[in-house]
PDB file of N, CA and C in Angstrom:
ATOM      1  N   UNK A   1       9.188 -54.207  82.433  1.00  0.00           N
ATOM      2  CA  UNK A   1      10.119 -54.044  83.901  1.00  0.00           C
ATOM      3  C   UNK A   1      10.039 -55.515  84.439  1.00  0.00           C
ATOM      4  N   UNK A   2      11.249 -55.722  84.984  1.00  0.00           N
ATOM      5  CA  UNK A   2      11.398 -57.294  85.783  1.00  0.00           C
ATOM      6  C   UNK A   2      11.923 -56.998  87.173  1.00  0.00           C
ATOM      7  N   UNK A   3      11.787 -57.798  87.906  1.00  0.00           N
ATOM      8  CA  UNK A   3      12.284 -57.896  89.151  1.00  0.00           C
ATOM      9  C   UNK A   3      13.709 -58.690  89.149  1.00  0.00           C
ATOM     10  N   UNK A   4      14.645 -57.971  89.786  1.00  0.00           N
ATOM     11  CA  UNK A   4      16.185 -58.309  89.783  1.00  0.00           C
ATOM     12  C   UNK A   4      16.479 -59.038  91.413  1.00  0.00           C
ATOM     13  N   UNK A   5      17.340 -60.051  91.183  1.00  0.00           N
ATOM     14  CA  UNK A   5      17.641 -60.419  92.567  1.00  0.00           C
ATOM     15  C   UNK A   5      19.342 -60.405  92.343  1.00  0.00           C
ATOM     16  N   UNK A   6      19.804 -61.139  93.466  1.00  0.00           N
ATOM     17  CA  UNK A   6      21.491 -61.203  93.559  1.00  0.00           C
ATOM     18  C   UNK A   6      22.098 -61.682  92.372  1.00  0.00           C
ATOM     19  N   UNK A   7      21.152 -62.389  91.711  1.00  0.00           N
ATOM     20  CA  UNK A   7      21.856 -63.092  90.603  1.00  0.00           C
ATOM     21  C   UNK A   7      21.623 -62.387  89.224  1.00  0.00           C
ATOM     22  N   UNK A   8      21.057 -61.044  89.317  1.00  0.00           N
ATOM     23  CA  UNK A   8      20.873 -60.422  88.198  1.00  0.00           C
ATOM     24  C   UNK A   8      21.056 -58.714  88.266  1.00  0.00           C
ATOM     25  N   UNK A   9      22.293 -58.279  88.396  1.00  0.00           N
ATOM     26  CA  UNK A   9      22.605 -56.873  88.633  1.00  0.00           C
ATOM     27  C   UNK A   9      21.958 -56.323  87.447  1.00  0.00           C
ATOM     28  N   UNK A  10      21.771 -54.937  87.651  1.00  0.00           N
ATOM     29  CA  UNK A  10      21.061 -54.031  86.492  1.00  0.00           C
ATOM     30  C   UNK A  10      22.230 -52.949  86.417  1.00  0.00           C
ATOM     31  N   UNK A  11      22.422 -52.586  85.123  1.00  0.00           N
ATOM     32  CA  UNK A  11      23.316 -51.525  84.840  1.00  0.00           C
ATOM     33  C   UNK A  11      22.842 -50.344  84.016  1.00  0.00           C
ATOM     34  N   UNK A  12      23.148 -49.234  84.509  1.00  0.00           N
ATOM     35  CA  UNK A  12      22.501 -47.962  83.792  1.00  0.00           C
ATOM     36  C   UNK A  12      23.797 -47.151  82.884  1.00  0.00           C
ATOM     37  N   UNK A  13      23.640 -46.802  81.850  1.00  0.00           N
ATOM     38  CA  UNK A  13      24.778 -46.114  81.408  1.00  0.00           C
ATOM     39  C   UNK A  13      24.934 -44.824  81.888  1.00  0.00           C
ATOM     40  N   UNK A  14      26.134 -44.065  81.603  1.00  0.00           N
ATOM     41  CA  UNK A  14      26.155 -42.815  82.232  1.00  0.00           C
ATOM     42  C   UNK A  14      25.155 -41.815  82.075  1.00  0.00           C
ATOM     43  N   UNK A  15      24.724 -41.105  83.061  1.00  0.00           N
ATOM     44  CA  UNK A  15      23.678 -40.002  82.691  1.00  0.00           C
ATOM     45  C   UNK A  15      24.005 -38.749  82.072  1.00  0.00           C
ATOM     46  N   UNK A  16      23.170 -38.542  81.186  1.00  0.00           N
ATOM     47  CA  UNK A  16      23.381 -37.098  80.513  1.00  0.00           C
ATOM     48  C   UNK A  16      22.797 -36.141  81.330  1.00  0.00           C
ATOM     49  N   UNK A  17      23.210 -34.760  80.801  1.00  0.00           N
ATOM     50  CA  UNK A  17      22.921 -33.780  81.862  1.00  0.00           C
ATOM     51  C   UNK A  17      21.419 -33.488  82.033  1.00  0.00           C
ATOM     52  N   UNK A  18      20.485 -33.925  80.917  1.00  0.00           N
ATOM     53  CA  UNK A  18      19.048 -33.578  81.382  1.00  0.00           C
ATOM     54  C   UNK A  18      18.225 -35.149  81.393  1.00  0.00           C
ATOM     55  N   UNK A  19      18.839 -36.017  81.856  1.00  0.00           N
ATOM     56  CA  UNK A  19      18.255 -37.228  81.843  1.00  0.00           C
ATOM     57  C   UNK A  19      17.345 -37.319  82.953  1.00  0.00           C
ATOM     58  N   UNK A  20      16.063 -38.004  82.790  1.00  0.00           N
ATOM     59  CA  UNK A  20      15.192 -38.207  83.776  1.00  0.00           C
ATOM     60  C   UNK A  20      15.473 -39.136  84.878  1.00  0.00           C
ATOM     61  N   UNK A  21      15.101 -39.034  86.146  1.00  0.00           N
ATOM     62  CA  UNK A  21      15.724 -40.040  87.246  1.00  0.00           C
ATOM     63  C   UNK A  21      14.841 -41.291  87.031  1.00  0.00           C
ATOM     64  N   UNK A  22      15.328 -42.273  87.682  1.00  0.00           N
ATOM     65  CA  UNK A  22      15.008 -43.513  87.607  1.00  0.00           C
ATOM     66  C   UNK A  22      14.151 -43.762  89.007  1.00  0.00           C
ATOM     67  N   UNK A  23      13.291 -44.853  89.200  1.00  0.00           N
ATOM     68  CA  UNK A  23      12.942 -45.308  90.436  1.00  0.00           C
ATOM     69  C   UNK A  23      13.246 -46.823  90.574  1.00  0.00           C
ATOM     70  N   UNK A  24      13.964 -46.926  91.782  1.00  0.00           N
ATOM     71  CA  UNK A  24      14.219 -48.446  92.145  1.00  0.00           C
ATOM     72  C   UNK A  24      13.126 -48.790  93.323  1.00  0.00           C
ATOM     73  N   UNK A  25      12.500 -49.913  93.094  1.00  0.00           N
ATOM     74  CA  UNK A  25      11.404 -50.261  93.925  1.00  0.00           C
ATOM     75  C   UNK A  25      12.114 -51.503  94.583  1.00  0.00           C
ATOM     76  N   UNK A  26      12.331 -51.453  96.067  1.00  0.00           N
ATOM     77  CA  UNK A  26      13.211 -52.419  96.915  1.00  0.00           C
ATOM     78  C   UNK A  26      12.023 -53.306  97.727  1.00  0.00           C
ATOM     79  N   UNK A  27      12.397 -54.590  97.698  1.00  0.00           N
ATOM     80  CA  UNK A  27      12.054 -55.462  98.677  1.00  0.00           C
ATOM     81  C   UNK A  27      13.252 -56.119  99.377  1.00  0.00           C
ATOM     82  N   UNK A  28      13.639 -55.762 100.356  1.00  0.00           N
ATOM     83  CA  UNK A  28      14.870 -56.076 101.006  1.00  0.00           C
ATOM     84  C   UNK A  28      14.937 -57.578 101.628  1.00  0.00           C
ATOM     85  N   UNK A  29      13.846 -58.083 101.974  1.00  0.00           N
ATOM     86  CA  UNK A  29      13.775 -59.526 102.442  1.00  0.00           C
ATOM     87  C   UNK A  29      14.907 -59.888 103.221  1.00  0.00           C
ATOM     88  N   UNK A  30      15.594 -59.107 104.306  1.00  0.00           N
ATOM     89  CA  UNK A  30      16.556 -59.446 105.023  1.00  0.00           C
ATOM     90  C   UNK A  30      17.897 -59.084 104.410  1.00  0.00           C
ATOM     91  N   UNK A  31      17.895 -58.528 103.116  1.00  0.00           N
ATOM     92  CA  UNK A  31      19.027 -58.205 102.434  1.00  0.00           C
ATOM     93  C   UNK A  31      19.160 -56.583 102.126  1.00  0.00           C
ATOM     94  N   UNK A  32      19.950 -56.196 101.390  1.00  0.00           N
ATOM     95  CA  UNK A  32      20.164 -54.895 100.782  1.00  0.00           C
ATOM     96  C   UNK A  32      20.038 -54.927  99.378  1.00  0.00           C
ATOM     97  N   UNK A  33      19.854 -53.355  98.934  1.00  0.00           N
ATOM     98  CA  UNK A  33      20.090 -53.271  97.432  1.00  0.00           C
ATOM     99  C   UNK A  33      21.270 -52.212  97.378  1.00  0.00           C
ATOM    100  N   UNK A  34      22.128 -51.982  96.580  1.00  0.00           N
ATOM    101  CA  UNK A  34      23.176 -51.479  96.705  1.00  0.00           C
ATOM    102  C   UNK A  34      23.516 -50.506  95.362  1.00  0.00           C
ATOM    103  N   UNK A  35      23.813 -49.401  95.267  1.00  0.00           N
ATOM    104  CA  UNK A  35      24.053 -48.448  94.076  1.00  0.00           C
ATOM    105  C   UNK A  35      25.525 -48.516  93.902  1.00  0.00           C
ATOM    106  N   UNK A  36      26.163 -48.978  92.866  1.00  0.00           N
ATOM    107  CA  UNK A  36      27.618 -48.921  92.571  1.00  0.00           C
ATOM    108  C   UNK A  36      28.193 -48.051  91.724  1.00  0.00           C
ATOM    109  N   UNK A  37      29.354 -47.709  91.701  1.00  0.00           N
ATOM    110  CA  UNK A  37      30.032 -47.016  90.697  1.00  0.00           C
ATOM    111  C   UNK A  37      31.395 -47.698  90.432  1.00  0.00           C
ATOM    112  N   UNK A  38      32.037 -47.302  89.315  1.00  0.00           N
ATOM    113  CA  UNK A  38      33.346 -48.157  89.067  1.00  0.00           C
ATOM    114  C   UNK A  38      34.388 -47.249  89.547  1.00  0.00           C
ATOM    115  N   UNK A  39      35.355 -47.764  90.340  1.00  0.00           N
ATOM    116  CA  UNK A  39      36.624 -47.020  91.009  1.00  0.00           C
ATOM    117  C   UNK A  39      37.558 -46.793  89.677  1.00  0.00           C
ATOM    118  N   UNK A  40      38.889 -46.417  90.101  1.00  0.00           N
ATOM    119  CA  UNK A  40      39.987 -46.029  89.134  1.00  0.00           C
ATOM    120  C   UNK A  40      40.460 -47.308  88.431  1.00  0.00           C
ATOM    121  N   UNK A  41      40.363 -48.515  89.254  1.00  0.00           N
ATOM    122  CA  UNK A  41      40.804 -49.771  88.709  1.00  0.00           C
ATOM    123  C   UNK A  41      39.739 -50.430  87.867  1.00  0.00           C
ATOM    124  N   UNK A  42      38.529 -49.688  87.698  1.00  0.00           N
ATOM    125  CA  UNK A  42      37.538 -50.204  86.679  1.00  0.00           C
ATOM    126  C   UNK A  42      36.578 -51.341  87.592  1.00  0.00           C
ATOM    127  N   UNK A  43      36.630 -51.325  88.801  1.00  0.00           N
ATOM    128  CA  UNK A  43      36.054 -52.438  89.740  1.00  0.00           C
ATOM    129  C   UNK A  43      34.677 -51.794  90.186  1.00  0.00           C
ATOM    130  N   UNK A  44      33.637 -52.485  90.475  1.00  0.00           N
ATOM    131  CA  UNK A  44      32.469 -51.810  90.928  1.00  0.00           C
ATOM    132  C   UNK A  44      32.489 -52.047  92.298  1.00  0.00           C
ATOM    133  N   UNK A  45      32.272 -50.919  92.837  1.00  0.00           N
ATOM    134  CA  UNK A  45      32.247 -50.431  94.203  1.00  0.00           C
ATOM    135  C   UNK A  45      30.986 -49.884  94.943  1.00  0.00           C
ATOM    136  N   UNK A  46      30.507 -50.105  96.187  1.00  0.00           N
ATOM    137  CA  UNK A  46      29.573 -49.386  96.841  1.00  0.00           C
ATOM    138  C   UNK A  46      30.157 -48.271  97.510  1.00  0.00           C
ATOM    139  N   UNK A  47      29.824 -47.026  97.347  1.00  0.00           N
ATOM    140  CA  UNK A  47      30.430 -46.044  98.218  1.00  0.00           C
ATOM    141  C   UNK A  47      30.017 -46.321  99.571  1.00  0.00           C
ATOM    142  N   UNK A  48      30.937 -45.569 100.504  1.00  0.00           N
ATOM    143  CA  UNK A  48      30.542 -45.930 101.894  1.00  0.00           C
ATOM    144  C   UNK A  48      29.294 -45.085 102.665  1.00  0.00           C
ATOM    145  N   UNK A  49      28.925 -44.146 101.686  1.00  0.00           N
ATOM    146  CA  UNK A  49      27.819 -43.291 102.164  1.00  0.00           C
ATOM    147  C   UNK A  49      26.656 -44.213 102.301  1.00  0.00           C
ATOM    148  N   UNK A  50      25.665 -44.226 103.350  1.00  0.00           N
ATOM    149  CA  UNK A  50      24.693 -45.003 103.580  1.00  0.00           C
ATOM    150  C   UNK A  50      23.598 -44.974 102.738  1.00  0.00           C
ATOM    151  N   UNK A  51      23.521 -43.858 101.979  1.00  0.00           N
ATOM    152  CA  UNK A  51      22.498 -43.403 100.842  1.00  0.00           C
ATOM    153  C   UNK A  51      22.643 -44.555  99.816  1.00  0.00           C
ATOM    154  N   UNK A  52      23.926 -45.111  99.760  1.00  0.00           N
ATOM    155  CA  UNK A  52      23.910 -46.076  98.503  1.00  0.00           C
ATOM    156  C   UNK A  52      23.656 -47.601  98.890  1.00  0.00           C
ATOM    157  N   UNK A  53      23.109 -47.907  99.910  1.00  0.00           N
ATOM    158  CA  UNK A  53      22.942 -48.935 100.523  1.00  0.00           C
ATOM    159  C   UNK A  53      21.479 -49.096 101.046  1.00  0.00           C
ATOM    160  N   UNK A  54      20.636 -49.500 100.512  1.00  0.00           N
ATOM    161  CA  UNK A  54      19.109 -49.629 100.800  1.00  0.00           C
ATOM    162  C   UNK A  54      18.552 -50.770 101.421  1.00  0.00           C
ATOM    163  N   UNK A  55      18.124 -50.644 102.659  1.00  0.00           N
ATOM    164  CA  UNK A  55      17.520 -51.653 103.435  1.00  0.00           C
ATOM    165  C   UNK A  55      15.998 -51.598 103.854  1.00  0.00           C
ATOM    166  N   UNK A  56      15.154 -50.557 103.197  1.00  0.00           N
ATOM    167  CA  UNK A  56      13.957 -50.158 103.512  1.00  0.00           C
ATOM    168  C   UNK A  56      13.145 -50.725 102.460  1.00  0.00           C
ATOM    169  N   UNK A  57      11.960 -51.182 102.722  1.00  0.00           N
ATOM    170  CA  UNK A  57      10.775 -51.365 101.378  1.00  0.00           C
ATOM    171  C   UNK A  57      10.332 -50.153 100.979  1.00  0.00           C
ATOM    172  N   UNK A  58      10.268 -50.225  99.602  1.00  0.00           N
ATOM    173  CA  UNK A  58       9.579 -49.222  99.085  1.00  0.00           C
ATOM    174  C   UNK A  58      10.335 -48.479  97.809  1.00  0.00           C
ATOM    175  N   UNK A  59       9.930 -47.241  97.191  1.00  0.00           N
ATOM    176  CA  UNK A  59      10.545 -46.825  96.117  1.00  0.00           C
ATOM    177  C   UNK A  59      11.553 -45.776  96.384  1.00  0.00           C
ATOM    178  N   UNK A  60      12.512 -45.814  95.771  1.00  0.00           N
ATOM    179  CA  UNK A  60      13.776 -44.788  95.949  1.00  0.00           C
ATOM    180  C   UNK A  60      13.991 -44.098  94.572  1.00  0.00           C
ATOM    181  N   UNK A  61      13.954 -42.906  94.714  1.00  0.00           N
ATOM    182  CA  UNK A  61      14.373 -41.886  93.372  1.00  0.00           C
ATOM    183  C   UNK A  61      15.962 -42.080  93.154  1.00  0.00           C
ATOM    184  N   UNK A  62      16.146 -42.378  91.924  1.00  0.00           N
ATOM    185  CA  UNK A  62      17.577 -42.236  91.498  1.00  0.00           C
ATOM    186  C   UNK A  62      17.905 -41.316  90.638  1.00  0.00           C
ATOM    187  N   UNK A  63      18.607 -40.068  90.956  1.00  0.00           N
ATOM    188  CA  UNK A  63      18.961 -39.186  90.080  1.00  0.00           C
ATOM    189  C   UNK A  63      20.038 -39.447  89.360  1.00  0.00           C
ATOM    190  N   UNK A  64      19.971 -39.455  88.068  1.00  0.00           N
ATOM    191  CA  UNK A  64      21.075 -39.922  87.148  1.00  0.00           C
ATOM    192  C   UNK A  64      21.639 -38.643  86.362  1.00  0.00           C
ATOM    193  N   UNK A  65      21.232 -37.517  86.621  1.00  0.00           N
ATOM    194  CA  UNK A  65      21.896 -36.229  85.674  1.00  0.00           C
ATOM    195  C   UNK A  65      23.250 -36.321  86.019  1.00  0.00           C
ATOM    196  N   UNK A  66      24.238 -36.328  84.859  1.00  0.00           N
ATOM    197  CA  UNK A  66      25.571 -35.966  85.001  1.00  0.00           C
ATOM    198  C   UNK A  66      26.270 -37.015  86.064  1.00  0.00           C
ATOM    199  N   UNK A  67      25.846 -38.556  85.843  1.00  0.00           N
ATOM    200  CA  UNK A  67      26.362 -39.409  86.574  1.00  0.00           C
ATOM    201  C   UNK A  67      27.351 -40.467  85.726  1.00  0.00           C
ATOM    202  N   UNK A  68      28.293 -41.106  86.350  1.00  0.00           N
ATOM    203  CA  UNK A  68      29.020 -42.148  85.700  1.00  0.00           C
ATOM    204  C   UNK A  68      28.048 -43.167  85.574  1.00  0.00           C
ATOM    205  N   UNK A  69      28.480 -44.269  84.809  1.00  0.00           N
ATOM    206  CA  UNK A  69      27.440 -45.770  84.595  1.00  0.00           C
ATOM    207  C   UNK A  69      27.248 -45.948  86.368  1.00  0.00           C
ATOM    208  N   UNK A  70      26.255 -46.730  86.391  1.00  0.00           N
ATOM    209  CA  UNK A  70      25.660 -47.054  87.605  1.00  0.00           C
ATOM    210  C   UNK A  70      25.355 -48.482  87.483  1.00  0.00           C
ATOM    211  N   UNK A  71      25.591 -49.352  88.567  1.00  0.00           N
ATOM    212  CA  UNK A  71      25.353 -50.899  88.723  1.00  0.00           C
ATOM    213  C   UNK A  71      24.489 -50.834  89.970  1.00  0.00           C
ATOM    214  N   UNK A  72      23.310 -51.455  89.936  1.00  0.00           N
ATOM    215  CA  UNK A  72      22.485 -51.806  91.065  1.00  0.00           C
ATOM    216  C   UNK A  72      22.536 -53.319  91.387  1.00  0.00           C
ATOM    217  N   UNK A  73      22.788 -53.777  92.443  1.00  0.00           N
ATOM    218  CA  UNK A  73      22.868 -54.951  92.849  1.00  0.00           C
ATOM    219  C   UNK A  73      21.981 -55.441  94.147  1.00  0.00           C
ATOM    220  N   UNK A  74      21.524 -56.722  94.328  1.00  0.00           N
ATOM    221  CA  UNK A  74      20.961 -57.236  95.478  1.00  0.00           C
ATOM    222  C   UNK A  74      21.720 -58.044  96.414  1.00  0.00           C
ATOM    223  N   UNK A  75      21.762 -57.921  97.547  1.00  0.00           N
ATOM    224  CA  UNK A  75      22.560 -58.829  98.423  1.00  0.00           C
ATOM    225  C   UNK A  75      21.455 -59.795  99.158  1.00  0.00           C
ATOM    226  N   UNK A  76      21.728 -60.970  99.614  1.00  0.00           N
ATOM    227  CA  UNK A  76      21.102 -61.701 100.366  1.00  0.00           C
ATOM    228  C   UNK A  76      19.813 -62.205  99.341  1.00  0.00           C
ATOM    229  N   UNK A  77      18.606 -62.130  99.963  1.00  0.00           N
ATOM    230  CA  UNK A  77      17.303 -62.206  99.513  1.00  0.00           C
ATOM    231  C   UNK A  77      16.454 -61.098  98.945  1.00  0.00           C
ATOM    232  N   UNK A  78      17.329 -60.091  98.846  1.00  0.00           N
ATOM    233  CA  UNK A  78      16.698 -58.782  98.512  1.00  0.00           C
ATOM    234  C   UNK A  78      16.298 -58.733  96.775  1.00  0.00           C
ATOM    235  N   UNK A  79      15.354 -58.090  96.441  1.00  0.00           N
ATOM    236  CA  UNK A  79      14.898 -57.969  95.300  1.00  0.00           C
ATOM    237  C   UNK A  79      14.708 -56.503  94.943  1.00  0.00           C
ATOM    238  N   UNK A  80      14.556 -56.139  93.597  1.00  0.00           N
ATOM    239  CA  UNK A  80      14.394 -54.802  93.170  1.00  0.00           C
ATOM    240  C   UNK A  80      13.943 -54.762  91.842  1.00  0.00           C
ATOM    241  N   UNK A  81      13.174 -53.389  91.446  1.00  0.00           N
ATOM    242  CA  UNK A  81      12.785 -53.273  89.973  1.00  0.00           C
ATOM    243  C   UNK A  81      13.071 -51.889  89.719  1.00  0.00           C
ATOM    244  N   UNK A  82      13.804 -51.647  88.553  1.00  0.00           N
ATOM    245  CA  UNK A  82      14.005 -50.308  88.026  1.00  0.00           C
ATOM    246  C   UNK A  82      13.003 -49.860  86.905  1.00  0.00           C
ATOM    247  N   UNK A  83      12.574 -48.606  87.180  1.00  0.00           N
ATOM    248  CA  UNK A  83      11.684 -48.114  86.148  1.00  0.00           C
ATOM    249  C   UNK A  83      12.460 -46.759  85.430  1.00  0.00           C
ATOM    250  N   UNK A  84      12.066 -46.694  84.119  1.00  0.00           N
ATOM    251  CA  UNK A  84      13.055 -45.564  83.422  1.00  0.00           C
ATOM    252  C   UNK A  84      12.038 -44.739  82.833  1.00  0.00           C
TER     253      UNK A  84
END
């Protein structure tokens, strides 16, 4: 496991039906960590729902069952670690 920052996005493959959740540990440091999906044009986007933008310190459970590919990015000085 390694810590990621704004220069190191983290990509997860599509989630199968019975895949176990991941945990994202967040250190916002004044920034945010965002969960992104691809839109119809193939561009990574962060949904408008606030659940996809994390600005609080601590662990966040990421349920990946039946999900498309996901990218996790940091903004500003935020850092995060993903456990599988």
